[in-house]
Amino acid sequence: QVQLVESGGGLVQAGGSLRLSCAASGRTFSSYTMGWFRQAPGKERGFVAGIIGGELTYYADSVKGRFTISRDNTKNTVYLQMNSLKPEDTAVYYCGAASGIATMFRDSANYWGQGTQVTVSS
């Protein structure tokens, strides 16, 4: 009962920044753990960042200090601010909604967006 639509992907040079948005609809949006995942060609989908409520956040080691996840419950939107981008960040980024952060730590979610492409050139 949650629909997710990502936007904000694109092409950026290494060292640049990009902000992804995920617009959500559903009666229990604020109670879900929201997060971001990514999948590069030939690799499995993996957890990037998650947020519970508006203050508790979690990040994969590969993006700590560079990415910031936030959410605006009044707009039913979650964001991923990506700074200091590297070519290895190139992937399709997916927004996900899960019943808990443990689900996301298993690289899983209950609901998924369609994905948005992020390409970082060197």
PDB file of N, CA and C in Angstrom:
ATOM      1  N   GLN A   1       0.828  -1.210   0.000  1.00  0.00           N
ATOM      2  CA  GLN A   1       0.000   0.000   0.000  1.00  0.00           C
ATOM      3  C   GLN A   1       0.855   1.250   0.000  1.00  0.00           C
ATOM      4  N   VAL A   2       2.075   1.130  -0.486  1.00  0.00           N
ATOM      5  CA  VAL A   2       2.984   2.256  -0.617  1.00  0.00           C
ATOM      6  C   VAL A   2       3.502   2.284  -2.048  1.00  0.00           C
ATOM      7  N   GLN A   3       3.362   3.411  -2.690  1.00  0.00           N
ATOM      8  CA  GLN A   3       3.900   3.623  -4.019  1.00  0.00           C
ATOM      9  C   GLN A   3       5.038   4.637  -3.933  1.00  0.00           C
ATOM     10  N   LEU A   4       6.130   4.347  -4.616  1.00  0.00           N
ATOM     11  CA  LEU A   4       7.326   5.164  -4.537  1.00  0.00           C
ATOM     12  C   LEU A   4       7.783   5.557  -5.935  1.00  0.00           C
ATOM     13  N   VAL A   5       8.138   6.821  -6.109  1.00  0.00           N
ATOM     14  CA  VAL A   5       8.614   7.328  -7.385  1.00  0.00           C
ATOM     15  C   VAL A   5       9.875   8.145  -7.156  1.00  0.00           C
ATOM     16  N   GLU A   6      10.990   7.691  -7.730  1.00  0.00           N
ATOM     17  CA  GLU A   6      12.262   8.388  -7.590  1.00  0.00           C
ATOM     18  C   GLU A   6      12.440   9.429  -8.681  1.00  0.00           C
ATOM     19  N   SER A   7      13.246  10.433  -8.373  1.00  0.00           N
ATOM     20  CA  SER A   7      13.630  11.435  -9.351  1.00  0.00           C
ATOM     21  C   SER A   7      14.951  12.060  -8.917  1.00  0.00           C
ATOM     22  N   GLY A   8      15.592  12.773  -9.829  1.00  0.00           N
ATOM     23  CA  GLY A   8      16.806  13.492  -9.506  1.00  0.00           C
ATOM     24  C   GLY A   8      18.087  12.862  -9.998  1.00  0.00           C
ATOM     25  N   GLY A   9      18.003  11.689 -10.595  1.00  0.00           N
ATOM     26  CA  GLY A   9      19.195  11.059 -11.118  1.00  0.00           C
ATOM     27  C   GLY A   9      19.711  11.796 -12.340  1.00  0.00           C
ATOM     28  N   GLY A  10      20.934  11.464 -12.737  1.00  0.00           N
ATOM     29  CA  GLY A  10      21.523  12.101 -13.893  1.00  0.00           C
ATOM     30  C   GLY A  10      23.002  11.843 -13.986  1.00  0.00           C
ATOM     31  N   LEU A  11      23.658  12.637 -14.800  1.00  0.00           N
ATOM     32  CA  LEU A  11      25.094  12.523 -15.037  1.00  0.00           C
ATOM     33  C   LEU A  11      25.822  13.645 -14.308  1.00  0.00           C
ATOM     34  N   VAL A  12      26.857  13.285 -13.572  1.00  0.00           N
ATOM     35  CA  VAL A  12      27.635  14.264 -12.829  1.00  0.00           C
ATOM     36  C   VAL A  12      29.105  13.858 -12.850  1.00  0.00           C
ATOM     37  N   GLN A  13      29.986  14.828 -12.790  1.00  0.00           N
ATOM     38  CA  GLN A  13      31.409  14.548 -12.750  1.00  0.00           C
ATOM     39  C   GLN A  13      31.848  14.138 -11.349  1.00  0.00           C
ATOM     40  N   ALA A  14      32.916  13.374 -11.288  1.00  0.00           N
ATOM     41  CA  ALA A  14      33.468  12.970  -9.999  1.00  0.00           C
ATOM     42  C   ALA A  14      33.737  14.193  -9.134  1.00  0.00           C
ATOM     43  N   GLY A  15      33.379  14.083  -7.857  1.00  0.00           N
ATOM     44  CA  GLY A  15      33.517  15.187  -6.936  1.00  0.00           C
ATOM     45  C   GLY A  15      32.292  16.067  -6.851  1.00  0.00           C
ATOM     46  N   GLY A  16      31.357  15.872  -7.745  1.00  0.00           N
ATOM     47  CA  GLY A  16      30.151  16.669  -7.764  1.00  0.00           C
ATOM     48  C   GLY A  16      29.093  16.156  -6.816  1.00  0.00           C
ATOM     49  N   SER A  17      27.932  16.787  -6.873  1.00  0.00           N
ATOM     50  CA  SER A  17      26.834  16.458  -5.974  1.00  0.00           C
ATOM     51  C   SER A  17      25.547  16.246  -6.745  1.00  0.00           C
ATOM     52  N   LEU A  18      24.655  15.506  -6.126  1.00  0.00           N
ATOM     53  CA  LEU A  18      23.359  15.222  -6.709  1.00  0.00           C
ATOM     54  C   LEU A  18      22.394  14.938  -5.564  1.00  0.00           C
ATOM     55  N   ARG A  19      21.147  15.328  -5.731  1.00  0.00           N
ATOM     56  CA  ARG A  19      20.145  15.013  -4.723  1.00  0.00           C
ATOM     57  C   ARG A  19      18.998  14.238  -5.345  1.00  0.00           C
ATOM     58  N   LEU A  20      18.733  13.080  -4.787  1.00  0.00           N
ATOM     59  CA  LEU A  20      17.637  12.240  -5.231  1.00  0.00           C
ATOM     60  C   LEU A  20      16.419  12.472  -4.354  1.00  0.00           C
ATOM     61  N   SER A  21      15.251  12.367  -4.955  1.00  0.00           N
ATOM     62  CA  SER A  21      14.007  12.493  -4.225  1.00  0.00           C
ATOM     63  C   SER A  21      13.154  11.259  -4.451  1.00  0.00           C
ATOM     64  N   CYS A  22      12.385  10.905  -3.455  1.00  0.00           N
ATOM     65  CA  CYS A  22      11.467   9.783  -3.542  1.00  0.00           C
ATOM     66  C   CYS A  22      10.127  10.231  -2.995  1.00  0.00           C
ATOM     67  N   ALA A  23       9.157  10.359  -3.879  1.00  0.00           N
ATOM     68  CA  ALA A  23       7.812  10.735  -3.484  1.00  0.00           C
ATOM     69  C   ALA A  23       7.010   9.482  -3.181  1.00  0.00           C
ATOM     70  N   ALA A  24       6.402   9.460  -2.013  1.00  0.00           N
ATOM     71  CA  ALA A  24       5.679   8.281  -1.566  1.00  0.00           C
ATOM     72  C   ALA A  24       4.211   8.581  -1.338  1.00  0.00           C
ATOM     73  N   SER A  25       3.405   7.583  -1.551  1.00  0.00           N
ATOM     74  CA  SER A  25       1.988   7.664  -1.230  1.00  0.00           C
ATOM     75  C   SER A  25       1.598   6.416  -0.460  1.00  0.00           C
ATOM     76  N   GLY A  26       0.750   6.593   0.532  1.00  0.00           N
ATOM     77  CA  GLY A  26       0.337   5.474   1.347  1.00  0.00           C
ATOM     78  C   GLY A  26      -0.030   5.927   2.744  1.00  0.00           C
ATOM     79  N   ARG A  27      -0.937   5.229   3.340  1.00  0.00           N
ATOM     80  CA  ARG A  27      -1.480   5.649   4.619  1.00  0.00           C
ATOM     81  C   ARG A  27      -0.489   5.566   5.770  1.00  0.00           C
ATOM     82  N   THR A  28       0.527   4.731   5.653  1.00  0.00           N
ATOM     83  CA  THR A  28       1.468   4.527   6.744  1.00  0.00           C
ATOM     84  C   THR A  28       2.881   4.976   6.409  1.00  0.00           C
ATOM     85  N   PHE A  29       3.005   5.948   5.531  1.00  0.00           N
ATOM     86  CA  PHE A  29       4.318   6.394   5.102  1.00  0.00           C
ATOM     87  C   PHE A  29       5.222   6.772   6.280  1.00  0.00           C
ATOM     88  N   SER A  30       4.713   7.581   7.198  1.00  0.00           N
ATOM     89  CA  SER A  30       5.542   8.089   8.284  1.00  0.00           C
ATOM     90  C   SER A  30       6.030   6.997   9.225  1.00  0.00           C
ATOM     91  N   SER A  31       5.344   5.870   9.269  1.00  0.00           N
ATOM     92  CA  SER A  31       5.721   4.789  10.165  1.00  0.00           C
ATOM     93  C   SER A  31       6.722   3.817   9.544  1.00  0.00           C
ATOM     94  N   TYR A  32       6.931   3.900   8.248  1.00  0.00           N
ATOM     95  CA  TYR A  32       7.874   3.020   7.564  1.00  0.00           C
ATOM     96  C   TYR A  32       9.297   3.525   7.705  1.00  0.00           C
ATOM     97  N   THR A  33      10.203   2.585   7.751  1.00  0.00           N
ATOM     98  CA  THR A  33      11.601   2.911   7.552  1.00  0.00           C
ATOM     99  C   THR A  33      11.823   3.120   6.059  1.00  0.00           C
ATOM    100  N   MET A  34      12.343   4.276   5.708  1.00  0.00           N
ATOM    101  CA  MET A  34      12.578   4.600   4.312  1.00  0.00           C
ATOM    102  C   MET A  34      14.067   4.521   4.021  1.00  0.00           C
ATOM    103  N   GLY A  35      14.389   4.161   2.804  1.00  0.00           N
ATOM    104  CA  GLY A  35      15.797   4.044   2.488  1.00  0.00           C
ATOM    105  C   GLY A  35      16.099   4.068   1.010  1.00  0.00           C
ATOM    106  N   TRP A  36      17.393   4.024   0.737  1.00  0.00           N
ATOM    107  CA  TRP A  36      17.901   4.006  -0.622  1.00  0.00           C
ATOM    108  C   TRP A  36      18.812   2.806  -0.822  1.00  0.00           C
ATOM    109  N   PHE A  37      18.731   2.234  -2.000  1.00  0.00           N
ATOM    110  CA  PHE A  37      19.544   1.107  -2.407  1.00  0.00           C
ATOM    111  C   PHE A  37      20.126   1.416  -3.778  1.00  0.00           C
ATOM    112  N   ARG A  38      21.129   0.676  -4.161  1.00  0.00           N
ATOM    113  CA  ARG A  38      21.675   0.870  -5.503  1.00  0.00           C
ATOM    114  C   ARG A  38      22.145  -0.453  -6.082  1.00  0.00           C
ATOM    115  N   GLN A  39      22.137  -0.494  -7.407  1.00  0.00           N
ATOM    116  CA  GLN A  39      22.556  -1.686  -8.115  1.00  0.00           C
ATOM    117  C   GLN A  39      23.324  -1.294  -9.368  1.00  0.00           C
ATOM    118  N   ALA A  40      24.570  -1.696  -9.416  1.00  0.00           N
ATOM    119  CA  ALA A  40      25.402  -1.476 -10.585  1.00  0.00           C
ATOM    120  C   ALA A  40      25.316  -2.693 -11.499  1.00  0.00           C
ATOM    121  N   PRO A  41      25.610  -2.528 -12.789  1.00  0.00           N
ATOM    122  CA  PRO A  41      25.563  -3.663 -13.710  1.00  0.00           C
ATOM    123  C   PRO A  41      26.441  -4.814 -13.235  1.00  0.00           C
ATOM    124  N   GLY A  42      25.878  -6.008 -13.230  1.00  0.00           N
ATOM    125  CA  GLY A  42      26.617  -7.183 -12.816  1.00  0.00           C
ATOM    126  C   GLY A  42      26.761  -7.359 -11.317  1.00  0.00           C
ATOM    127  N   LYS A  43      26.167  -6.481 -10.535  1.00  0.00           N
ATOM    128  CA  LYS A  43      26.253  -6.570  -9.087  1.00  0.00           C
ATOM    129  C   LYS A  43      24.862  -6.666  -8.479  1.00  0.00           C
ATOM    130  N   GLU A  44      24.819  -7.130  -7.254  1.00  0.00           N
ATOM    131  CA  GLU A  44      23.546  -7.260  -6.563  1.00  0.00           C
ATOM    132  C   GLU A  44      23.119  -5.925  -5.977  1.00  0.00           C
ATOM    133  N   ARG A  45      21.826  -5.783  -5.775  1.00  0.00           N
ATOM    134  CA  ARG A  45      21.302  -4.580  -5.144  1.00  0.00           C
ATOM    135  C   ARG A  45      21.753  -4.528  -3.689  1.00  0.00           C
ATOM    136  N   GLY A  46      22.201  -3.356  -3.251  1.00  0.00           N
ATOM    137  CA  GLY A  46      22.703  -3.213  -1.902  1.00  0.00           C
ATOM    138  C   GLY A  46      22.175  -1.983  -1.189  1.00  0.00           C
ATOM    139  N   PHE A  47      22.152  -2.058   0.129  1.00  0.00           N
ATOM    140  CA  PHE A  47      21.672  -0.975   0.970  1.00  0.00           C
ATOM    141  C   PHE A  47      22.638   0.195   0.950  1.00  0.00           C
ATOM    142  N   VAL A  48      22.103   1.397   0.876  1.00  0.00           N
ATOM    143  CA  VAL A  48      22.898   2.614   0.883  1.00  0.00           C
ATOM    144  C   VAL A  48      22.643   3.445   2.135  1.00  0.00           C
ATOM    145  N   ALA A  49      21.379   3.740   2.420  1.00  0.00           N
ATOM    146  CA  ALA A  49      21.037   4.590   3.551  1.00  0.00           C
ATOM    147  C   ALA A  49      19.602   4.347   3.968  1.00  0.00           C
ATOM    148  N   GLY A  50      19.329   4.521   5.260  1.00  0.00           N
ATOM    149  CA  GLY A  50      17.983   4.360   5.780  1.00  0.00           C
ATOM    150  C   GLY A  50      17.690   5.389   6.846  1.00  0.00           C
ATOM    151  N   ILE A  51      16.404   5.659   7.051  1.00  0.00           N
ATOM    152  CA  ILE A  51      16.000   6.638   8.052  1.00  0.00           C
ATOM    153  C   ILE A  51      14.724   6.187   8.741  1.00  0.00           C
ATOM    154  N   ILE A  52      14.721   6.309  10.067  1.00  0.00           N
ATOM    155  CA  ILE A  52      13.561   6.008  10.891  1.00  0.00           C
ATOM    156  C   ILE A  52      13.099   7.307  11.521  1.00  0.00           C
ATOM    157  N   GLY A  53      11.848   7.645  11.307  1.00  0.00           N
ATOM    158  CA  GLY A  53      11.370   8.932  11.765  1.00  0.00           C
ATOM    159  C   GLY A  53      12.122  10.030  11.036  1.00  0.00           C
ATOM    160  N   GLY A  54      12.537  11.043  11.773  1.00  0.00           N
ATOM    161  CA  GLY A  54      13.249  12.133  11.145  1.00  0.00           C
ATOM    162  C   GLY A  54      14.662  12.332  11.627  1.00  0.00           C
ATOM    163  N   GLU A  55      15.120  11.500  12.557  1.00  0.00           N
ATOM    164  CA  GLU A  55      16.417  11.746  13.168  1.00  0.00           C
ATOM    165  C   GLU A  55      17.356  10.556  13.216  1.00  0.00           C
ATOM    166  N   LEU A  56      16.846   9.356  13.134  1.00  0.00           N
ATOM    167  CA  LEU A  56      17.672   8.161  13.233  1.00  0.00           C
ATOM    168  C   LEU A  56      18.047   7.682  11.837  1.00  0.00           C
ATOM    169  N   THR A  57      19.326   7.736  11.520  1.00  0.00           N
ATOM    170  CA  THR A  57      19.796   7.390  10.185  1.00  0.00           C
ATOM    171  C   THR A  57      20.875   6.328  10.225  1.00  0.00           C
ATOM    172  N   TYR A  58      20.995   5.589   9.121  1.00  0.00           N
ATOM    173  CA  TYR A  58      21.984   4.540   8.966  1.00  0.00           C
ATOM    174  C   TYR A  58      22.563   4.625   7.564  1.00  0.00           C
ATOM    175  N   TYR A  59      23.843   4.297   7.455  1.00  0.00           N
ATOM    176  CA  TYR A  59      24.523   4.385   6.173  1.00  0.00           C
ATOM    177  C   TYR A  59      25.437   3.192   5.954  1.00  0.00           C
ATOM    178  N   ALA A  60      25.542   2.800   4.701  1.00  0.00           N
ATOM    179  CA  ALA A  60      26.555   1.837   4.332  1.00  0.00           C
ATOM    180  C   ALA A  60      27.926   2.475   4.492  1.00  0.00           C
ATOM    181  N   ASP A  61      28.916   1.668   4.848  1.00  0.00           N
ATOM    182  CA  ASP A  61      30.259   2.198   5.064  1.00  0.00           C
ATOM    183  C   ASP A  61      30.798   2.935   3.842  1.00  0.00           C
ATOM    184  N   SER A  62      30.422   2.497   2.672  1.00  0.00           N
ATOM    185  CA  SER A  62      30.950   3.070   1.451  1.00  0.00           C
ATOM    186  C   SER A  62      30.494   4.503   1.192  1.00  0.00           C
ATOM    187  N   VAL A  63      29.439   4.947   1.875  1.00  0.00           N
ATOM    188  CA  VAL A  63      28.916   6.289   1.629  1.00  0.00           C
ATOM    189  C   VAL A  63      28.935   7.183   2.859  1.00  0.00           C
ATOM    190  N   LYS A  64      29.367   6.675   3.994  1.00  0.00           N
ATOM    191  CA  LYS A  64      29.406   7.477   5.216  1.00  0.00           C
ATOM    192  C   LYS A  64      30.275   8.712   5.029  1.00  0.00           C
ATOM    193  N   GLY A  65      29.752   9.839   5.474  1.00  0.00           N
ATOM    194  CA  GLY A  65      30.466  11.091   5.346  1.00  0.00           C
ATOM    195  C   GLY A  65      30.249  11.792   4.028  1.00  0.00           C
ATOM    196  N   ARG A  66      29.641  11.113   3.068  1.00  0.00           N
ATOM    197  CA  ARG A  66      29.399  11.699   1.753  1.00  0.00           C
ATOM    198  C   ARG A  66      27.915  11.839   1.432  1.00  0.00           C
ATOM    199  N   PHE A  67      27.115  10.881   1.865  1.00  0.00           N
ATOM    200  CA  PHE A  67      25.679  10.883   1.576  1.00  0.00           C
ATOM    201  C   PHE A  67      24.892  11.225   2.833  1.00  0.00           C
ATOM    202  N   THR A  68      23.766  11.891   2.656  1.00  0.00           N
ATOM    203  CA  THR A  68      22.881  12.220   3.760  1.00  0.00           C
ATOM    204  C   THR A  68      21.445  11.913   3.373  1.00  0.00           C
ATOM    205  N   ILE A  69      20.774  11.127   4.195  1.00  0.00           N
ATOM    206  CA  ILE A  69      19.375  10.819   3.960  1.00  0.00           C
ATOM    207  C   ILE A  69      18.512  11.678   4.880  1.00  0.00           C
ATOM    208  N   SER A  70      17.391  12.135   4.380  1.00  0.00           N
ATOM    209  CA  SER A  70      16.452  12.915   5.165  1.00  0.00           C
ATOM    210  C   SER A  70      15.046  12.658   4.648  1.00  0.00           C
ATOM    211  N   ARG A  71      14.066  13.069   5.423  1.00  0.00           N
ATOM    212  CA  ARG A  71      12.687  12.901   4.990  1.00  0.00           C
ATOM    213  C   ARG A  71      11.841  14.069   5.448  1.00  0.00           C
ATOM    214  N   ASP A  72      10.821  14.353   4.681  1.00  0.00           N
ATOM    215  CA  ASP A  72       9.859  15.386   5.000  1.00  0.00           C
ATOM    216  C   ASP A  72       8.491  14.720   4.998  1.00  0.00           C
ATOM    217  N   ASN A  73       7.984  14.429   6.183  1.00  0.00           N
ATOM    218  CA  ASN A  73       6.731  13.702   6.281  1.00  0.00           C
ATOM    219  C   ASN A  73       5.529  14.519   5.804  1.00  0.00           C
ATOM    220  N   THR A  74       5.633  15.842   5.872  1.00  0.00           N
ATOM    221  CA  THR A  74       4.541  16.676   5.387  1.00  0.00           C
ATOM    222  C   THR A  74       4.413  16.603   3.880  1.00  0.00           C
ATOM    223  N   LYS A  75       5.500  16.268   3.206  1.00  0.00           N
ATOM    224  CA  LYS A  75       5.507  16.134   1.752  1.00  0.00           C
ATOM    225  C   LYS A  75       5.560  14.679   1.308  1.00  0.00           C
ATOM    226  N   ASN A  76       5.614  13.762   2.259  1.00  0.00           N
ATOM    227  CA  ASN A  76       5.736  12.337   1.950  1.00  0.00           C
ATOM    228  C   ASN A  76       6.900  12.083   0.998  1.00  0.00           C
ATOM    229  N   THR A  77       8.034  12.662   1.329  1.00  0.00           N
ATOM    230  CA  THR A  77       9.196  12.588   0.461  1.00  0.00           C
ATOM    231  C   THR A  77      10.450  12.279   1.265  1.00  0.00           C
ATOM    232  N   VAL A  78      11.285  11.417   0.721  1.00  0.00           N
ATOM    233  CA  VAL A  78      12.583  11.121   1.300  1.00  0.00           C
ATOM    234  C   VAL A  78      13.648  11.540   0.297  1.00  0.00           C
ATOM    235  N   TYR A  79      14.772  12.032   0.805  1.00  0.00           N
ATOM    236  CA  TYR A  79      15.829  12.555  -0.035  1.00  0.00           C
ATOM    237  C   TYR A  79      17.140  11.832   0.223  1.00  0.00           C
ATOM    238  N   LEU A  80      17.991  11.854  -0.766  1.00  0.00           N
ATOM    239  CA  LEU A  80      19.359  11.391  -0.608  1.00  0.00           C
ATOM    240  C   LEU A  80      20.280  12.437  -1.212  1.00  0.00           C
ATOM    241  N   GLN A  81      20.961  13.172  -0.350  1.00  0.00           N
ATOM    242  CA  GLN A  81      21.944  14.143  -0.793  1.00  0.00           C
ATOM    243  C   GLN A  81      23.275  13.432  -0.961  1.00  0.00           C
ATOM    244  N   MET A  82      23.822  13.462  -2.159  1.00  0.00           N
ATOM    245  CA  MET A  82      25.052  12.759  -2.471  1.00  0.00           C
ATOM    246  C   MET A  82      26.127  13.774  -2.816  1.00  0.00           C
ATOM    247  N   ASN A  83      27.166  13.820  -2.009  1.00  0.00           N
ATOM    248  CA  ASN A  83      28.289  14.721  -2.219  1.00  0.00           C
ATOM    249  C   ASN A  83      29.558  13.922  -2.481  1.00  0.00           C
ATOM    250  N   SER A  84      30.554  14.597  -3.012  1.00  0.00           N
ATOM    251  CA  SER A  84      31.845  13.967  -3.293  1.00  0.00           C
ATOM    252  C   SER A  84      31.674  12.660  -4.052  1.00  0.00           C
ATOM    253  N   LEU A  85      30.883  12.705  -5.089  1.00  0.00           N
ATOM    254  CA  LEU A  85      30.564  11.494  -5.834  1.00  0.00           C
ATOM    255  C   LEU A  85      31.790  10.912  -6.523  1.00  0.00           C
ATOM    256  N   LYS A  86      31.814   9.589  -6.585  1.00  0.00           N
ATOM    257  CA  LYS A  86      32.895   8.839  -7.193  1.00  0.00           C
ATOM    258  C   LYS A  86      32.343   7.995  -8.331  1.00  0.00           C
ATOM    259  N   PRO A  87      33.181   7.647  -9.303  1.00  0.00           N
ATOM    260  CA  PRO A  87      32.695   6.778 -10.388  1.00  0.00           C
ATOM    261  C   PRO A  87      32.076   5.484  -9.883  1.00  0.00           C
ATOM    262  N   GLU A  88      32.576   4.939  -8.790  1.00  0.00           N
ATOM    263  CA  GLU A  88      32.028   3.712  -8.248  1.00  0.00           C
ATOM    264  C   GLU A  88      30.639   3.877  -7.643  1.00  0.00           C
ATOM    265  N   ASP A  89      30.169   5.113  -7.533  1.00  0.00           N
ATOM    266  CA  ASP A  89      28.793   5.355  -7.106  1.00  0.00           C
ATOM    267  C   ASP A  89      27.800   5.177  -8.246  1.00  0.00           C
ATOM    268  N   THR A  90      28.291   5.015  -9.457  1.00  0.00           N
ATOM    269  CA  THR A  90      27.419   4.839 -10.611  1.00  0.00           C
ATOM    270  C   THR A  90      26.553   3.597 -10.439  1.00  0.00           C
ATOM    271  N   ALA A  91      25.257   3.781 -10.543  1.00  0.00           N
ATOM    272  CA  ALA A  91      24.317   2.682 -10.346  1.00  0.00           C
ATOM    273  C   ALA A  91      22.907   3.187 -10.580  1.00  0.00           C
ATOM    274  N   VAL A  92      21.976   2.251 -10.629  1.00  0.00           N
ATOM    275  CA  VAL A  92      20.573   2.599 -10.540  1.00  0.00           C
ATOM    276  C   VAL A  92      20.224   2.671  -9.065  1.00  0.00           C
ATOM    277  N   TYR A  93      19.672   3.780  -8.646  1.00  0.00           N
ATOM    278  CA  TYR A  93      19.311   3.983  -7.255  1.00  0.00           C
ATOM    279  C   TYR A  93      17.815   3.776  -7.070  1.00  0.00           C
ATOM    280  N   TYR A  94      17.464   2.982  -6.072  1.00  0.00           N
ATOM    281  CA  TYR A  94      16.085   2.644  -5.784  1.00  0.00           C
ATOM    282  C   TYR A  94      15.682   3.158  -4.418  1.00  0.00           C
ATOM    283  N   CYS A  95      14.505   3.706  -4.345  1.00  0.00           N
ATOM    284  CA  CYS A  95      13.897   4.048  -3.080  1.00  0.00           C
ATOM    285  C   CYS A  95      13.144   2.832  -2.557  1.00  0.00           C
ATOM    286  N   GLY A  96      13.233   2.599  -1.266  1.00  0.00           N
ATOM    287  CA  GLY A  96      12.537   1.472  -0.674  1.00  0.00           C
ATOM    288  C   GLY A  96      11.871   1.825   0.635  1.00  0.00           C
ATOM    289  N   ALA A  97      10.789   1.139   0.936  1.00  0.00           N
ATOM    290  CA  ALA A  97      10.087   1.266   2.210  1.00  0.00           C
ATOM    291  C   ALA A  97      10.064  -0.098   2.875  1.00  0.00           C
ATOM    292  N   ALA A  98      10.435  -0.147   4.140  1.00  0.00           N
ATOM    293  CA  ALA A  98      10.521  -1.407   4.856  1.00  0.00           C
ATOM    294  C   ALA A  98       9.885  -1.307   6.225  1.00  0.00           C
ATOM    295  N   SER A  99       9.560  -2.455   6.780  1.00  0.00           N
ATOM    296  CA  SER A  99       8.947  -2.502   8.098  1.00  0.00           C
ATOM    297  C   SER A  99       9.935  -2.178   9.203  1.00  0.00           C
ATOM    298  N   GLY A 100      11.237  -2.273   8.907  1.00  0.00           N
ATOM    299  CA  GLY A 100      12.254  -1.973   9.885  1.00  0.00           C
ATOM    300  C   GLY A 100      13.619  -1.884   9.244  1.00  0.00           C
ATOM    301  N   ILE A 101      14.568  -1.315   9.964  1.00  0.00           N
ATOM    302  CA  ILE A 101      15.899  -1.132   9.414  1.00  0.00           C
ATOM    303  C   ILE A 101      16.598  -2.464   9.193  1.00  0.00           C
ATOM    304  N   ALA A 102      16.261  -3.467  10.000  1.00  0.00           N
ATOM    305  CA  ALA A 102      16.883  -4.775   9.835  1.00  0.00           C
ATOM    306  C   ALA A 102      16.591  -5.351   8.455  1.00  0.00           C
ATOM    307  N   THR A 103      15.406  -5.083   7.946  1.00  0.00           N
ATOM    308  CA  THR A 103      15.058  -5.516   6.603  1.00  0.00           C
ATOM    309  C   THR A 103      16.002  -4.896   5.583  1.00  0.00           C
ATOM    310  N   MET A 104      16.302  -3.626   5.757  1.00  0.00           N
ATOM    311  CA  MET A 104      17.183  -2.935   4.830  1.00  0.00           C
ATOM    312  C   MET A 104      18.620  -3.405   4.953  1.00  0.00           C
ATOM    313  N   PHE A 105      19.027  -3.774   6.146  1.00  0.00           N
ATOM    314  CA  PHE A 105      20.371  -4.319   6.333  1.00  0.00           C
ATOM    315  C   PHE A 105      20.543  -5.629   5.587  1.00  0.00           C
ATOM    316  N   ARG A 106      19.441  -6.285   5.273  1.00  0.00           N
ATOM    317  CA  ARG A 106      19.453  -7.495   4.469  1.00  0.00           C
ATOM    318  C   ARG A 106      19.280  -7.185   2.980  1.00  0.00           C
ATOM    319  N   ASP A 107      19.459  -5.917   2.621  1.00  0.00           N
ATOM    320  CA  ASP A 107      19.349  -5.466   1.232  1.00  0.00           C
ATOM    321  C   ASP A 107      17.959  -5.723   0.670  1.00  0.00           C
ATOM    322  N   SER A 108      16.957  -5.550   1.517  1.00  0.00           N
ATOM    323  CA  SER A 108      15.591  -5.838   1.114  1.00  0.00           C
ATOM    324  C   SER A 108      14.660  -4.715   1.529  1.00  0.00           C
ATOM    325  N   ALA A 109      13.447  -4.738   1.001  1.00  0.00           N
ATOM    326  CA  ALA A 109      12.418  -3.772   1.338  1.00  0.00           C
ATOM    327  C   ALA A 109      11.061  -4.371   1.020  1.00  0.00           C
ATOM    328  N   ASN A 110      10.021  -3.788   1.574  1.00  0.00           N
ATOM    329  CA  ASN A 110       8.673  -4.251   1.314  1.00  0.00           C
ATOM    330  C   ASN A 110       8.082  -3.627   0.057  1.00  0.00           C
ATOM    331  N   TYR A 111       8.515  -2.416  -0.250  1.00  0.00           N
ATOM    332  CA  TYR A 111       8.044  -1.702  -1.426  1.00  0.00           C
ATOM    333  C   TYR A 111       9.224  -1.046  -2.115  1.00  0.00           C
ATOM    334  N   TRP A 112       9.142  -0.964  -3.441  1.00  0.00           N
ATOM    335  CA  TRP A 112      10.234  -0.412  -4.240  1.00  0.00           C
ATOM    336  C   TRP A 112       9.745   0.613  -5.236  1.00  0.00           C
ATOM    337  N   GLY A 113      10.585   1.608  -5.491  1.00  0.00           N
ATOM    338  CA  GLY A 113      10.372   2.497  -6.608  1.00  0.00           C
ATOM    339  C   GLY A 113      10.937   1.881  -7.874  1.00  0.00           C
ATOM    340  N   GLN A 114      10.809   2.591  -8.978  1.00  0.00           N
ATOM    341  CA  GLN A 114      11.237   2.055 -10.268  1.00  0.00           C
ATOM    342  C   GLN A 114      12.725   2.248 -10.540  1.00  0.00           C
ATOM    343  N   GLY A 115      13.367   3.098  -9.767  1.00  0.00           N
ATOM    344  CA  GLY A 115      14.785   3.335  -9.918  1.00  0.00           C
ATOM    345  C   GLY A 115      15.098   4.568 -10.738  1.00  0.00           C
ATOM    346  N   THR A 116      16.225   5.190 -10.434  1.00  0.00           N
ATOM    347  CA  THR A 116      16.705   6.332 -11.199  1.00  0.00           C
ATOM    348  C   THR A 116      18.209   6.184 -11.402  1.00  0.00           C
ATOM    349  N   GLN A 117      18.666   6.443 -12.619  1.00  0.00           N
ATOM    350  CA  GLN A 117      20.064   6.222 -12.969  1.00  0.00           C
ATOM    351  C   GLN A 117      20.938   7.365 -12.489  1.00  0.00           C
ATOM    352  N   VAL A 118      22.032   7.016 -11.827  1.00  0.00           N
ATOM    353  CA  VAL A 118      23.058   7.971 -11.437  1.00  0.00           C
ATOM    354  C   VAL A 118      24.362   7.543 -12.088  1.00  0.00           C
ATOM    355  N   THR A 119      24.945   8.425 -12.871  1.00  0.00           N
ATOM    356  CA  THR A 119      26.199   8.139 -13.545  1.00  0.00           C
ATOM    357  C   THR A 119      27.229   9.187 -13.160  1.00  0.00           C
ATOM    358  N   VAL A 120      28.362   8.734 -12.653  1.00  0.00           N
ATOM    359  CA  VAL A 120      29.443   9.618 -12.233  1.00  0.00           C
ATOM    360  C   VAL A 120      30.626   9.391 -13.161  1.00  0.00           C
ATOM    361  N   SER A 121      31.010  10.416 -13.878  1.00  0.00           N
ATOM    362  CA  SER A 121      32.115  10.319 -14.816  1.00  0.00           C
ATOM    363  C   SER A 121      33.421  10.722 -14.151  1.00  0.00           C
ATOM    364  N   SER A 122      34.519  10.147 -14.623  1.00  0.00           N
ATOM    365  CA  SER A 122      35.825  10.441 -14.064  1.00  0.00           C
ATOM    366  C   SER A 122      36.558  11.497 -14.875  1.00  0.00           C
TER     367      SER A 122
END
